[in-house]
Amino acid sequence: MTTSNKLYIKRTQRDYTLGFKLQVVDAVEKGEMTYKQAQAIYGIQGRSTVLTWLRKHGKMDWTQNPRKNAMHKTTKPNESPAQKIKRLEKELEDERIRN
């Protein structure tokens, strides 16, 4: 039998503090990075660990199923930036009322 020169490093489970989890969730929800980028930057081992934190501690809807009542794309070709802002503010207000 031949033995390999490669060293096997056993993966270990890490326990993350609640403060660390909230910091990562906050950074992702602010749009500073994607959840996959956060995983790479912070050295988080699990593939879906950050996504699980987002679902549990986040303020946004991170479910993988698309919402049935998602906002429609109603972009109009001749819409000015001011008109677009006004329309988006109205849609946001409608969504807040609905929630």
PDB file of N, CA and C in Angstrom:
ATOM      1  N   MET A   1       0.846  -1.184   0.000  1.00  0.00           N
ATOM      2  CA  MET A   1       0.000   0.000   0.000  1.00  0.00           C
ATOM      3  C   MET A   1       0.882   1.233   0.000  1.00  0.00           C
ATOM      4  N   THR A   2       0.473   2.191  -0.783  1.00  0.00           N
ATOM      5  CA  THR A   2       1.214   3.445  -0.809  1.00  0.00           C
ATOM      6  C   THR A   2       0.422   4.495  -0.062  1.00  0.00           C
ATOM      7  N   THR A   3       1.138   5.339   0.615  1.00  0.00           N
ATOM      8  CA  THR A   3       0.462   6.410   1.343  1.00  0.00           C
ATOM      9  C   THR A   3       0.637   7.703   0.587  1.00  0.00           C
ATOM     10  N   SER A   4      -0.335   8.507   0.640  1.00  0.00           N
ATOM     11  CA  SER A   4      -0.317   9.785  -0.066  1.00  0.00           C
ATOM     12  C   SER A   4       0.464  10.823   0.743  1.00  0.00           C
ATOM     13  N   ASN A   5       1.142  11.710   0.044  1.00  0.00           N
ATOM     14  CA  ASN A   5       1.877  12.776   0.718  1.00  0.00           C
ATOM     15  C   ASN A   5       0.970  13.933   1.118  1.00  0.00           C
ATOM     16  N   LYS A   6      -0.262  13.894   0.675  1.00  0.00           N
ATOM     17  CA  LYS A   6      -1.205  14.970   1.000  1.00  0.00           C
ATOM     18  C   LYS A   6      -1.668  14.840   2.441  1.00  0.00           C
ATOM     19  N   LEU A   7      -1.726  15.947   3.116  1.00  0.00           N
ATOM     20  CA  LEU A   7      -2.214  15.940   4.488  1.00  0.00           C
ATOM     21  C   LEU A   7      -3.715  16.161   4.477  1.00  0.00           C
ATOM     22  N   TYR A   8      -4.400  15.367   5.239  1.00  0.00           N
ATOM     23  CA  TYR A   8      -5.841  15.527   5.357  1.00  0.00           C
ATOM     24  C   TYR A   8      -6.118  16.407   6.562  1.00  0.00           C
ATOM     25  N   ILE A   9      -6.792  17.511   6.305  1.00  0.00           N
ATOM     26  CA  ILE A   9      -7.143  18.420   7.398  1.00  0.00           C
ATOM     27  C   ILE A   9      -8.630  18.270   7.663  1.00  0.00           C
ATOM     28  N   LYS A  10      -8.943  17.857   8.854  1.00  0.00           N
ATOM     29  CA  LYS A  10     -10.333  17.645   9.228  1.00  0.00           C
ATOM     30  C   LYS A  10     -11.043  18.980   9.373  1.00  0.00           C
ATOM     31  N   ARG A  11     -12.208  19.070   8.742  1.00  0.00           N
ATOM     32  CA  ARG A  11     -13.011  20.275   8.880  1.00  0.00           C
ATOM     33  C   ARG A  11     -13.623  20.313  10.260  1.00  0.00           C
ATOM     34  N   THR A  12     -13.681  21.487  10.814  1.00  0.00           N
ATOM     35  CA  THR A  12     -14.282  21.628  12.129  1.00  0.00           C
ATOM     36  C   THR A  12     -15.472  22.570  12.040  1.00  0.00           C
ATOM     37  N   GLN A  13     -16.417  22.345  12.878  1.00  0.00           N
ATOM     38  CA  GLN A  13     -17.579  23.208  12.937  1.00  0.00           C
ATOM     39  C   GLN A  13     -17.217  24.437  13.752  1.00  0.00           C
ATOM     40  N   ARG A  14     -17.590  25.610  13.243  1.00  0.00           N
ATOM     41  CA  ARG A  14     -17.338  26.823  13.998  1.00  0.00           C
ATOM     42  C   ARG A  14     -18.635  27.361  14.552  1.00  0.00           C
ATOM     43  N   ASP A  15     -18.570  27.852  15.748  1.00  0.00           N
ATOM     44  CA  ASP A  15     -19.721  28.513  16.342  1.00  0.00           C
ATOM     45  C   ASP A  15     -19.488  30.006  16.235  1.00  0.00           C
ATOM     46  N   TYR A  16     -20.432  30.696  15.624  1.00  0.00           N
ATOM     47  CA  TYR A  16     -20.318  32.134  15.420  1.00  0.00           C
ATOM     48  C   TYR A  16     -21.189  32.846  16.453  1.00  0.00           C
ATOM     49  N   THR A  17     -20.706  33.966  16.948  1.00  0.00           N
ATOM     50  CA  THR A  17     -21.491  34.727  17.926  1.00  0.00           C
ATOM     51  C   THR A  17     -22.662  35.389  17.230  1.00  0.00           C
ATOM     52  N   LEU A  18     -23.682  35.700  18.012  1.00  0.00           N
ATOM     53  CA  LEU A  18     -24.851  36.370  17.464  1.00  0.00           C
ATOM     54  C   LEU A  18     -24.454  37.733  16.886  1.00  0.00           C
ATOM     55  N   GLY A  19     -23.550  38.431  17.557  1.00  0.00           N
ATOM     56  CA  GLY A  19     -23.100  39.729  17.059  1.00  0.00           C
ATOM     57  C   GLY A  19     -22.437  39.626  15.699  1.00  0.00           C
ATOM     58  N   PHE A  20     -21.618  38.587  15.502  1.00  0.00           N
ATOM     59  CA  PHE A  20     -20.959  38.369  14.218  1.00  0.00           C
ATOM     60  C   PHE A  20     -21.989  38.084  13.134  1.00  0.00           C
ATOM     61  N   LYS A  21     -22.955  37.216  13.462  1.00  0.00           N
ATOM     62  CA  LYS A  21     -24.002  36.883  12.491  1.00  0.00           C
ATOM     63  C   LYS A  21     -24.769  38.135  12.078  1.00  0.00           C
ATOM     64  N   LEU A  22     -25.135  38.955  13.065  1.00  0.00           N
ATOM     65  CA  LEU A  22     -25.897  40.171  12.762  1.00  0.00           C
ATOM     66  C   LEU A  22     -25.070  41.151  11.938  1.00  0.00           C
ATOM     67  N   GLN A  23     -23.771  41.203  12.181  1.00  0.00           N
ATOM     68  CA  GLN A  23     -22.889  42.079  11.413  1.00  0.00           C
ATOM     69  C   GLN A  23     -22.862  41.647   9.945  1.00  0.00           C
ATOM     70  N   VAL A  24     -22.754  40.351   9.707  1.00  0.00           N
ATOM     71  CA  VAL A  24     -22.733  39.830   8.344  1.00  0.00           C
ATOM     72  C   VAL A  24     -24.084  40.077   7.669  1.00  0.00           C
ATOM     73  N   VAL A  25     -25.167  39.797   8.367  1.00  0.00           N
ATOM     74  CA  VAL A  25     -26.513  40.012   7.824  1.00  0.00           C
ATOM     75  C   VAL A  25     -26.714  41.479   7.465  1.00  0.00           C
ATOM     76  N   ASP A  26     -26.290  42.366   8.339  1.00  0.00           N
ATOM     77  CA  ASP A  26     -26.436  43.799   8.101  1.00  0.00           C
ATOM     78  C   ASP A  26     -25.662  44.231   6.858  1.00  0.00           C
ATOM     79  N   ALA A  27     -24.433  43.741   6.716  1.00  0.00           N
ATOM     80  CA  ALA A  27     -23.611  44.102   5.555  1.00  0.00           C
ATOM     81  C   ALA A  27     -24.249  43.627   4.259  1.00  0.00           C
ATOM     82  N   VAL A  28     -24.813  42.437   4.263  1.00  0.00           N
ATOM     83  CA  VAL A  28     -25.445  41.905   3.055  1.00  0.00           C
ATOM     84  C   VAL A  28     -26.717  42.668   2.734  1.00  0.00           C
ATOM     85  N   GLU A  29     -27.531  42.957   3.749  1.00  0.00           N
ATOM     86  CA  GLU A  29     -28.785  43.659   3.504  1.00  0.00           C
ATOM     87  C   GLU A  29     -28.578  45.109   3.093  1.00  0.00           C
ATOM     88  N   LYS A  30     -27.461  45.707   3.500  1.00  0.00           N
ATOM     89  CA  LYS A  30     -27.158  47.068   3.056  1.00  0.00           C
ATOM     90  C   LYS A  30     -26.673  47.096   1.618  1.00  0.00           C
ATOM     91  N   GLY A  31     -26.356  45.936   1.072  1.00  0.00           N
ATOM     92  CA  GLY A  31     -25.891  45.855  -0.303  1.00  0.00           C
ATOM     93  C   GLY A  31     -24.389  46.008  -0.443  1.00  0.00           C
ATOM     94  N   GLU A  32     -23.668  45.921   0.659  1.00  0.00           N
ATOM     95  CA  GLU A  32     -22.222  46.048   0.607  1.00  0.00           C
ATOM     96  C   GLU A  32     -21.581  44.840  -0.060  1.00  0.00           C
ATOM     97  N   MET A  33     -22.251  43.688   0.003  1.00  0.00           N
ATOM     98  CA  MET A  33     -21.736  42.459  -0.606  1.00  0.00           C
ATOM     99  C   MET A  33     -22.881  41.473  -0.744  1.00  0.00           C
ATOM    100  N   THR A  34     -22.692  40.460  -1.581  1.00  0.00           N
ATOM    101  CA  THR A  34     -23.680  39.391  -1.686  1.00  0.00           C
ATOM    102  C   THR A  34     -23.423  38.397  -0.563  1.00  0.00           C
ATOM    103  N   TYR A  35     -24.374  37.501  -0.350  1.00  0.00           N
ATOM    104  CA  TYR A  35     -24.159  36.550   0.739  1.00  0.00           C
ATOM    105  C   TYR A  35     -23.019  35.590   0.407  1.00  0.00           C
ATOM    106  N   LYS A  36     -22.790  35.311  -0.861  1.00  0.00           N
ATOM    107  CA  LYS A  36     -21.669  34.447  -1.239  1.00  0.00           C
ATOM    108  C   LYS A  36     -20.336  35.166  -1.048  1.00  0.00           C
ATOM    109  N   GLN A  37     -20.317  36.472  -1.332  1.00  0.00           N
ATOM    110  CA  GLN A  37     -19.100  37.244  -1.087  1.00  0.00           C
ATOM    111  C   GLN A  37     -18.812  37.309   0.409  1.00  0.00           C
ATOM    112  N   ALA A  38     -19.844  37.465   1.223  1.00  0.00           N
ATOM    113  CA  ALA A  38     -19.668  37.505   2.674  1.00  0.00           C
ATOM    114  C   ALA A  38     -19.078  36.191   3.168  1.00  0.00           C
ATOM    115  N   GLN A  39     -19.538  35.102   2.593  1.00  0.00           N
ATOM    116  CA  GLN A  39     -19.020  33.787   2.967  1.00  0.00           C
ATOM    117  C   GLN A  39     -17.524  33.722   2.685  1.00  0.00           C
ATOM    118  N   ALA A  40     -17.104  34.212   1.526  1.00  0.00           N
ATOM    119  CA  ALA A  40     -15.685  34.160   1.168  1.00  0.00           C
ATOM    120  C   ALA A  40     -14.858  35.142   2.004  1.00  0.00           C
ATOM    121  N   ILE A  41     -15.370  36.356   2.184  1.00  0.00           N
ATOM    122  CA  ILE A  41     -14.624  37.390   2.909  1.00  0.00           C
ATOM    123  C   ILE A  41     -14.421  37.010   4.368  1.00  0.00           C
ATOM    124  N   TYR A  42     -15.473  36.512   5.010  1.00  0.00           N
ATOM    125  CA  TYR A  42     -15.393  36.195   6.431  1.00  0.00           C
ATOM    126  C   TYR A  42     -14.936  34.764   6.709  1.00  0.00           C
ATOM    127  N   GLY A  43     -14.686  33.972   5.669  1.00  0.00           N
ATOM    128  CA  GLY A  43     -14.209  32.612   5.857  1.00  0.00           C
ATOM    129  C   GLY A  43     -15.231  31.678   6.462  1.00  0.00           C
ATOM    130  N   ILE A  44     -16.477  31.846   6.081  1.00  0.00           N
ATOM    131  CA  ILE A  44     -17.556  31.006   6.608  1.00  0.00           C
ATOM    132  C   ILE A  44     -17.610  29.734   5.765  1.00  0.00           C
ATOM    133  N   GLN A  45     -17.551  28.576   6.421  1.00  0.00           N
ATOM    134  CA  GLN A  45     -17.387  27.316   5.696  1.00  0.00           C
ATOM    135  C   GLN A  45     -18.629  26.844   4.958  1.00  0.00           C
ATOM    136  N   GLY A  46     -19.755  26.849   5.604  1.00  0.00           N
ATOM    137  CA  GLY A  46     -20.958  26.277   5.016  1.00  0.00           C
ATOM    138  C   GLY A  46     -21.457  27.061   3.819  1.00  0.00           C
ATOM    139  N   ARG A  47     -21.938  26.353   2.815  1.00  0.00           N
ATOM    140  CA  ARG A  47     -22.413  27.005   1.596  1.00  0.00           C
ATOM    141  C   ARG A  47     -23.659  27.861   1.839  1.00  0.00           C
ATOM    142  N   SER A  48     -24.514  27.398   2.700  1.00  0.00           N
ATOM    143  CA  SER A  48     -25.771  28.119   2.903  1.00  0.00           C
ATOM    144  C   SER A  48     -25.866  28.755   4.291  1.00  0.00           C
ATOM    145  N   THR A  49     -24.764  28.821   4.997  1.00  0.00           N
ATOM    146  CA  THR A  49     -24.781  29.351   6.363  1.00  0.00           C
ATOM    147  C   THR A  49     -25.256  30.793   6.386  1.00  0.00           C
ATOM    148  N   VAL A  50     -24.687  31.636   5.524  1.00  0.00           N
ATOM    149  CA  VAL A  50     -25.058  33.053   5.518  1.00  0.00           C
ATOM    150  C   VAL A  50     -26.511  33.211   5.096  1.00  0.00           C
ATOM    151  N   LEU A  51     -26.951  32.423   4.117  1.00  0.00           N
ATOM    152  CA  LEU A  51     -28.343  32.496   3.680  1.00  0.00           C
ATOM    153  C   LEU A  51     -29.281  32.101   4.818  1.00  0.00           C
ATOM    154  N   THR A  52     -28.889  31.113   5.597  1.00  0.00           N
ATOM    155  CA  THR A  52     -29.692  30.707   6.753  1.00  0.00           C
ATOM    156  C   THR A  52     -29.773  31.844   7.766  1.00  0.00           C
ATOM    157  N   TRP A  53     -28.640  32.526   8.000  1.00  0.00           N
ATOM    158  CA  TRP A  53     -28.646  33.673   8.915  1.00  0.00           C
ATOM    159  C   TRP A  53     -29.547  34.776   8.394  1.00  0.00           C
ATOM    160  N   LEU A  54     -29.522  35.008   7.081  1.00  0.00           N
ATOM    161  CA  LEU A  54     -30.363  36.053   6.498  1.00  0.00           C
ATOM    162  C   LEU A  54     -31.838  35.732   6.693  1.00  0.00           C
ATOM    163  N   ARG A  55     -32.182  34.474   6.520  1.00  0.00           N
ATOM    164  CA  ARG A  55     -33.582  34.074   6.717  1.00  0.00           C
ATOM    165  C   ARG A  55     -33.997  34.202   8.169  1.00  0.00           C
ATOM    166  N   LYS A  56     -33.088  33.873   9.082  1.00  0.00           N
ATOM    167  CA  LYS A  56     -33.422  33.860  10.504  1.00  0.00           C
ATOM    168  C   LYS A  56     -33.353  35.247  11.142  1.00  0.00           C
ATOM    169  N   HIS A  57     -32.311  36.026  10.809  1.00  0.00           N
ATOM    170  CA  HIS A  57     -32.072  37.293  11.493  1.00  0.00           C
ATOM    171  C   HIS A  57     -32.327  38.525  10.628  1.00  0.00           C
ATOM    172  N   GLY A  58     -32.508  38.327   9.333  1.00  0.00           N
ATOM    173  CA  GLY A  58     -32.630  39.466   8.428  1.00  0.00           C
ATOM    174  C   GLY A  58     -34.012  40.092   8.433  1.00  0.00           C
ATOM    175  N   LYS A  59     -34.067  41.264   7.866  1.00  0.00           N
ATOM    176  CA  LYS A  59     -35.326  41.996   7.787  1.00  0.00           C
ATOM    177  C   LYS A  59     -35.976  41.854   6.416  1.00  0.00           C
ATOM    178  N   MET A  60     -35.259  41.255   5.472  1.00  0.00           N
ATOM    179  CA  MET A  60     -35.767  41.103   4.115  1.00  0.00           C
ATOM    180  C   MET A  60     -36.305  39.687   3.921  1.00  0.00           C
ATOM    181  N   ASP A  61     -37.018  39.491   2.817  1.00  0.00           N
ATOM    182  CA  ASP A  61     -37.556  38.179   2.489  1.00  0.00           C
ATOM    183  C   ASP A  61     -36.505  37.419   1.688  1.00  0.00           C
ATOM    184  N   TRP A  62     -35.864  36.427   2.292  1.00  0.00           N
ATOM    185  CA  TRP A  62     -34.790  35.682   1.650  1.00  0.00           C
ATOM    186  C   TRP A  62     -35.221  34.274   1.281  1.00  0.00           C
ATOM    187  N   THR A  63     -36.519  34.023   1.198  1.00  0.00           N
ATOM    188  CA  THR A  63     -36.965  32.704   0.779  1.00  0.00           C
ATOM    189  C   THR A  63     -36.628  32.521  -0.685  1.00  0.00           C
ATOM    190  N   GLN A  64     -36.422  31.285  -1.084  1.00  0.00           N
ATOM    191  CA  GLN A  64     -36.040  31.032  -2.467  1.00  0.00           C
ATOM    192  C   GLN A  64     -37.238  31.005  -3.389  1.00  0.00           C
ATOM    193  N   ASN A  65     -38.428  30.859  -2.849  1.00  0.00           N
ATOM    194  CA  ASN A  65     -39.618  30.854  -3.688  1.00  0.00           C
ATOM    195  C   ASN A  65     -39.992  32.279  -4.056  1.00  0.00           C
ATOM    196  N   PRO A  66     -40.181  32.556  -5.348  1.00  0.00           N
ATOM    197  CA  PRO A  66     -40.572  33.908  -5.719  1.00  0.00           C
ATOM    198  C   PRO A  66     -41.959  34.229  -5.175  1.00  0.00           C
ATOM    199  N   ARG A  67     -42.126  35.446  -4.773  1.00  0.00           N
ATOM    200  CA  ARG A  67     -43.421  35.865  -4.240  1.00  0.00           C
ATOM    201  C   ARG A  67     -44.444  35.946  -5.353  1.00  0.00           C
ATOM    202  N   LYS A  68     -45.640  35.555  -5.050  1.00  0.00           N
ATOM    203  CA  LYS A  68     -46.704  35.588  -6.055  1.00  0.00           C
ATOM    204  C   LYS A  68     -47.081  37.011  -6.421  1.00  0.00           C
ATOM    205  N   ASN A  69     -47.023  37.904  -5.452  1.00  0.00           N
ATOM    206  CA  ASN A  69     -47.431  39.285  -5.685  1.00  0.00           C
ATOM    207  C   ASN A  69     -46.226  40.193  -5.884  1.00  0.00           C
ATOM    208  N   ALA A  70     -45.225  39.714  -6.599  1.00  0.00           N
ATOM    209  CA  ALA A  70     -44.032  40.531  -6.833  1.00  0.00           C
ATOM    210  C   ALA A  70     -44.388  41.747  -7.669  1.00  0.00           C
ATOM    211  N   MET A  71     -43.610  42.815  -7.477  1.00  0.00           N
ATOM    212  CA  MET A  71     -43.871  44.024  -8.243  1.00  0.00           C
ATOM    213  C   MET A  71     -43.658  43.774  -9.728  1.00  0.00           C
ATOM    214  N   HIS A  72     -44.478  44.389 -10.523  1.00  0.00           N
ATOM    215  CA  HIS A  72     -44.392  44.236 -11.964  1.00  0.00           C
ATOM    216  C   HIS A  72     -43.378  45.216 -12.524  1.00  0.00           C
ATOM    217  N   LYS A  73     -42.777  44.836 -13.643  1.00  0.00           N
ATOM    218  CA  LYS A  73     -41.916  45.784 -14.340  1.00  0.00           C
ATOM    219  C   LYS A  73     -42.827  46.669 -15.175  1.00  0.00           C
ATOM    220  N   THR A  74     -42.970  47.890 -14.769  1.00  0.00           N
ATOM    221  CA  THR A  74     -43.841  48.815 -15.487  1.00  0.00           C
ATOM    222  C   THR A  74     -43.033  49.980 -16.031  1.00  0.00           C
ATOM    223  N   THR A  75     -41.824  49.703 -16.475  1.00  0.00           N
ATOM    224  CA  THR A  75     -40.976  50.756 -16.998  1.00  0.00           C
ATOM    225  C   THR A  75     -41.558  51.245 -18.311  1.00  0.00           C
ATOM    226  N   LYS A  76     -41.700  52.523 -18.399  1.00  0.00           N
ATOM    227  CA  LYS A  76     -42.244  53.131 -19.603  1.00  0.00           C
ATOM    228  C   LYS A  76     -41.093  53.754 -20.376  1.00  0.00           C
ATOM    229  N   PRO A  77     -41.059  53.569 -21.703  1.00  0.00           N
ATOM    230  CA  PRO A  77     -39.918  54.024 -22.479  1.00  0.00           C
ATOM    231  C   PRO A  77     -39.694  55.537 -22.463  1.00  0.00           C
ATOM    232  N   ASN A  78     -40.740  56.327 -22.380  1.00  0.00           N
ATOM    233  CA  ASN A  78     -40.611  57.789 -22.423  1.00  0.00           C
ATOM    234  C   ASN A  78     -40.690  58.424 -21.045  1.00  0.00           C
ATOM    235  N   GLU A  79     -40.414  57.661 -20.024  1.00  0.00           N
ATOM    236  CA  GLU A  79     -40.530  58.126 -18.650  1.00  0.00           C
ATOM    237  C   GLU A  79     -39.262  58.891 -18.248  1.00  0.00           C
ATOM    238  N   SER A  80     -39.442  60.096 -17.726  1.00  0.00           N
ATOM    239  CA  SER A  80     -38.298  60.891 -17.275  1.00  0.00           C
ATOM    240  C   SER A  80     -37.829  60.361 -15.918  1.00  0.00           C
ATOM    241  N   PRO A  81     -36.589  60.680 -15.522  1.00  0.00           N
ATOM    242  CA  PRO A  81     -36.113  60.228 -14.202  1.00  0.00           C
ATOM    243  C   PRO A  81     -37.015  60.685 -13.061  1.00  0.00           C
ATOM    244  N   ALA A  82     -37.522  61.911 -13.129  1.00  0.00           N
ATOM    245  CA  ALA A  82     -38.411  62.412 -12.072  1.00  0.00           C
ATOM    246  C   ALA A  82     -39.706  61.612 -12.031  1.00  0.00           C
ATOM    247  N   GLN A  83     -40.235  61.282 -13.197  1.00  0.00           N
ATOM    248  CA  GLN A  83     -41.461  60.489 -13.258  1.00  0.00           C
ATOM    249  C   GLN A  83     -41.216  59.082 -12.720  1.00  0.00           C
ATOM    250  N   LYS A  84     -40.057  58.527 -13.043  1.00  0.00           N
ATOM    251  CA  LYS A  84     -39.725  57.185 -12.577  1.00  0.00           C
ATOM    252  C   LYS A  84     -39.615  57.164 -11.055  1.00  0.00           C
ATOM    253  N   ILE A  85     -38.960  58.175 -10.488  1.00  0.00           N
ATOM    254  CA  ILE A  85     -38.820  58.270  -9.029  1.00  0.00           C
ATOM    255  C   ILE A  85     -40.190  58.360  -8.381  1.00  0.00           C
ATOM    256  N   LYS A  86     -41.052  59.186  -8.930  1.00  0.00           N
ATOM    257  CA  LYS A  86     -42.400  59.360  -8.375  1.00  0.00           C
ATOM    258  C   LYS A  86     -43.174  58.038  -8.438  1.00  0.00           C
ATOM    259  N   ARG A  87     -43.066  57.334  -9.576  1.00  0.00           N
ATOM    260  CA  ARG A  87     -43.764  56.059  -9.735  1.00  0.00           C
ATOM    261  C   ARG A  87     -43.223  55.026  -8.744  1.00  0.00           C
ATOM    262  N   LEU A  88     -41.900  54.973  -8.597  1.00  0.00           N
ATOM    263  CA  LEU A  88     -41.304  54.004  -7.670  1.00  0.00           C
ATOM    264  C   LEU A  88     -41.660  54.310  -6.221  1.00  0.00           C
ATOM    265  N   GLU A  89     -41.711  55.597  -5.865  1.00  0.00           N
ATOM    266  CA  GLU A  89     -42.125  55.969  -4.511  1.00  0.00           C
ATOM    267  C   GLU A  89     -43.560  55.536  -4.254  1.00  0.00           C
ATOM    268  N   LYS A  90     -44.419  55.688  -5.246  1.00  0.00           N
ATOM    269  CA  LYS A  90     -45.816  55.271  -5.113  1.00  0.00           C
ATOM    270  C   LYS A  90     -45.892  53.754  -4.938  1.00  0.00           C
ATOM    271  N   GLU A  91     -45.123  53.002  -5.759  1.00  0.00           N
ATOM    272  CA  GLU A  91     -45.112  51.545  -5.630  1.00  0.00           C
ATOM    273  C   GLU A  91     -44.593  51.107  -4.262  1.00  0.00           C
ATOM    274  N   LEU A  92     -43.565  51.801  -3.765  1.00  0.00           N
ATOM    275  CA  LEU A  92     -43.019  51.484  -2.448  1.00  0.00           C
ATOM    276  C   LEU A  92     -44.056  51.727  -1.357  1.00  0.00           C
ATOM    277  N   GLU A  93     -44.750  52.827  -1.434  1.00  0.00           N
ATOM    278  CA  GLU A  93     -45.786  53.142  -0.451  1.00  0.00           C
ATOM    279  C   GLU A  93     -46.910  52.107  -0.504  1.00  0.00           C
ATOM    280  N   ASP A  94     -47.308  51.726  -1.720  1.00  0.00           N
ATOM    281  CA  ASP A  94     -48.343  50.697  -1.869  1.00  0.00           C
ATOM    282  C   ASP A  94     -47.884  49.378  -1.248  1.00  0.00           C
ATOM    283  N   GLU A  95     -46.608  49.029  -1.450  1.00  0.00           N
ATOM    284  CA  GLU A  95     -46.076  47.786  -0.903  1.00  0.00           C
ATOM    285  C   GLU A  95     -46.026  47.844   0.618  1.00  0.00           C
ATOM    286  N   ARG A  96     -45.672  48.990   1.167  1.00  0.00           N
ATOM    287  CA  ARG A  96     -45.645  49.144   2.631  1.00  0.00           C
ATOM    288  C   ARG A  96     -47.042  48.983   3.209  1.00  0.00           C
ATOM    289  N   ILE A  97     -48.025  49.552   2.556  1.00  0.00           N
ATOM    290  CA  ILE A  97     -49.399  49.456   3.025  1.00  0.00           C
ATOM    291  C   ILE A  97     -49.859  48.000   2.979  1.00  0.00           C
ATOM    292  N   ARG A  98     -49.498  47.319   1.895  1.00  0.00           N
ATOM    293  CA  ARG A  98     -49.897  45.930   1.724  1.00  0.00           C
ATOM    294  C   ARG A  98     -49.265  45.033   2.779  1.00  0.00           C
ATOM    295  N   ASN A  99     -48.034  45.328   3.168  1.00  0.00           N
ATOM    296  CA  ASN A  99     -47.358  44.503   4.179  1.00  0.00           C
ATOM    297  C   ASN A  99     -47.865  44.864   5.558  1.00  0.00           C
TER     298      ASN A  99
END
